[in-house]
Protein backbone atom coordinates (compact mmCIF):
# COMPACT_ATOMS: atom_id res chain seq x y z
CA MET A 1 18.74 16.01 4.74
CA LYS A 2 21.24 14.26 7.06
CA ASN A 3 24.23 12.29 6.09
CA GLY A 4 23.01 12.69 2.43
CA ILE A 5 19.78 10.90 3.16
CA ASP A 6 16.22 12.51 2.95
CA HIS A 7 14.43 11.54 6.08
CA SER A 8 11.31 13.59 5.22
CA ASN A 9 9.82 10.51 3.56
CA ILE A 10 10.65 7.86 6.19
CA SER A 11 7.42 6.07 7.07
CA PRO A 12 6.26 5.82 10.64
CA TYR A 13 5.14 2.33 9.77
CA ARG A 14 7.30 -0.87 9.60
CA LEU A 15 6.70 -1.46 6.01
CA GLU A 16 9.48 -4.27 5.78
CA LEU A 17 7.02 -6.70 7.65
CA LEU A 18 4.75 -6.53 4.59
CA PRO A 19 5.59 -9.35 2.02
CA PRO A 20 6.10 -8.06 -1.40
CA VAL A 21 3.42 -9.65 -3.78
CA PRO A 22 3.90 -9.26 -7.55
CA ALA A 23 0.92 -8.14 -9.49
CA PHE A 24 0.97 -11.35 -11.57
CA HIS A 25 1.01 -13.52 -8.51
CA ARG A 26 -2.21 -15.60 -7.76
CA ARG A 27 -2.56 -13.81 -4.35
CA ALA A 28 -2.81 -10.49 -6.14
CA ARG A 29 -5.33 -11.41 -8.60
CA ILE A 30 -7.66 -14.14 -7.26
CA GLY A 31 -10.38 -13.93 -4.50
CA LYS A 32 -9.67 -10.31 -3.40
CA SER A 33 -12.38 -7.87 -2.69
CA LEU A 34 -11.43 -4.44 -1.73
CA ASP A 35 -14.04 -2.18 0.11
CA GLU A 36 -13.98 1.60 0.97
CA GLY A 37 -12.09 2.19 4.20
CA GLN A 38 -9.98 -0.94 3.90
CA LEU A 39 -6.25 -0.56 4.70
CA VAL A 40 -3.96 -1.80 1.77
CA TYR A 41 -0.35 -1.59 0.44
CA TYR A 42 1.17 -1.59 -2.95
CA GLY A 43 2.17 -5.24 -3.29
CA PRO A 44 5.20 -5.19 -5.65
CA SER A 45 7.16 -2.90 -3.31
CA PRO A 46 5.48 -2.07 -0.06
CA GLY A 47 7.90 0.78 0.76
CA TYR A 48 7.22 2.84 -2.34
CA TYR A 49 3.75 3.88 -1.59
CA GLY A 50 3.36 2.91 2.07
CA ILE A 51 -0.07 2.08 3.67
CA GLY A 52 -3.17 3.50 2.20
CA GLU A 53 -7.02 3.65 2.70
CA VAL A 54 -9.27 2.56 -0.17
CA LYS A 55 -11.42 5.73 -1.01
CA GLN A 56 -13.27 4.49 -3.94
CA VAL A 57 -13.68 1.32 -6.08
CA VAL A 58 -14.86 1.51 -9.81
CA GLY A 59 -14.49 -1.80 -11.50
CA HIS A 60 -10.85 -2.87 -11.50
CA PHE A 61 -9.63 0.52 -10.47
CA VAL A 62 -9.18 1.70 -6.86
CA ALA A 63 -8.58 5.28 -5.56
CA VAL A 64 -6.30 5.00 -2.57
CA ASP A 65 -5.18 7.73 0.00
CA PHE A 66 -1.65 6.75 1.02
CA ARG A 67 -1.19 10.01 3.00
CA GLY A 68 2.60 10.21 2.08
CA THR A 69 3.51 7.23 4.29
CA GLY A 70 5.70 5.80 1.57
CA GLN A 71 9.20 6.51 0.22
CA PHE A 72 7.80 8.25 -2.79
CA GLY A 73 5.60 10.39 -0.52
CA VAL A 74 2.33 9.79 -2.69
CA HIS A 75 -0.72 10.92 -1.06
CA GLU A 76 -3.40 9.77 -3.46
CA ASP A 77 -3.34 7.41 -6.57
CA VAL A 78 -5.62 5.42 -8.73
CA MET A 79 -4.43 1.94 -9.78
CA GLU A 80 -5.59 -1.39 -10.81
CA ASN A 81 -6.67 -3.77 -7.93
CA GLN A 82 -4.14 -6.33 -8.78
CA TYR A 83 -1.35 -3.91 -7.42
CA LEU A 84 -3.02 -3.55 -3.90
CA ILE A 85 -2.93 -6.11 -1.20
CA PRO A 86 -5.24 -5.90 1.86
CA ILE A 87 -3.43 -5.55 5.21
CA PRO A 88 -4.60 -8.53 7.48
CA GLN A 89 -5.84 -7.51 10.99
CA SER A 90 -3.28 -9.83 12.48
CA THR A 91 -0.55 -7.72 10.93
CA MET A 92 -1.88 -4.40 11.82
CA SER A 93 -0.68 -4.34 15.63
CA LEU A 94 2.96 -5.20 14.27
CA LEU A 95 3.10 -2.12 12.03
């Protein structure tokens, strides 16, 4: 901890480049297919979980390995697919 800030959970990625997408937004709900191995982020607040890899998809639920890249230091979690946004290839090189 330096200057009262815990730097252990600072992401090596530029998560501020990922636009927040609320779970109720059309982009989060319509026309989205998530596959194993795909890179995703938590839409409502990208910095919370960071960037993760889809490990398994079961119905509307997705198991994601975030590897502790976000502010909360979460490694693995399962959530509904409406909370996850695929990362476009064009954005990957910027992160």
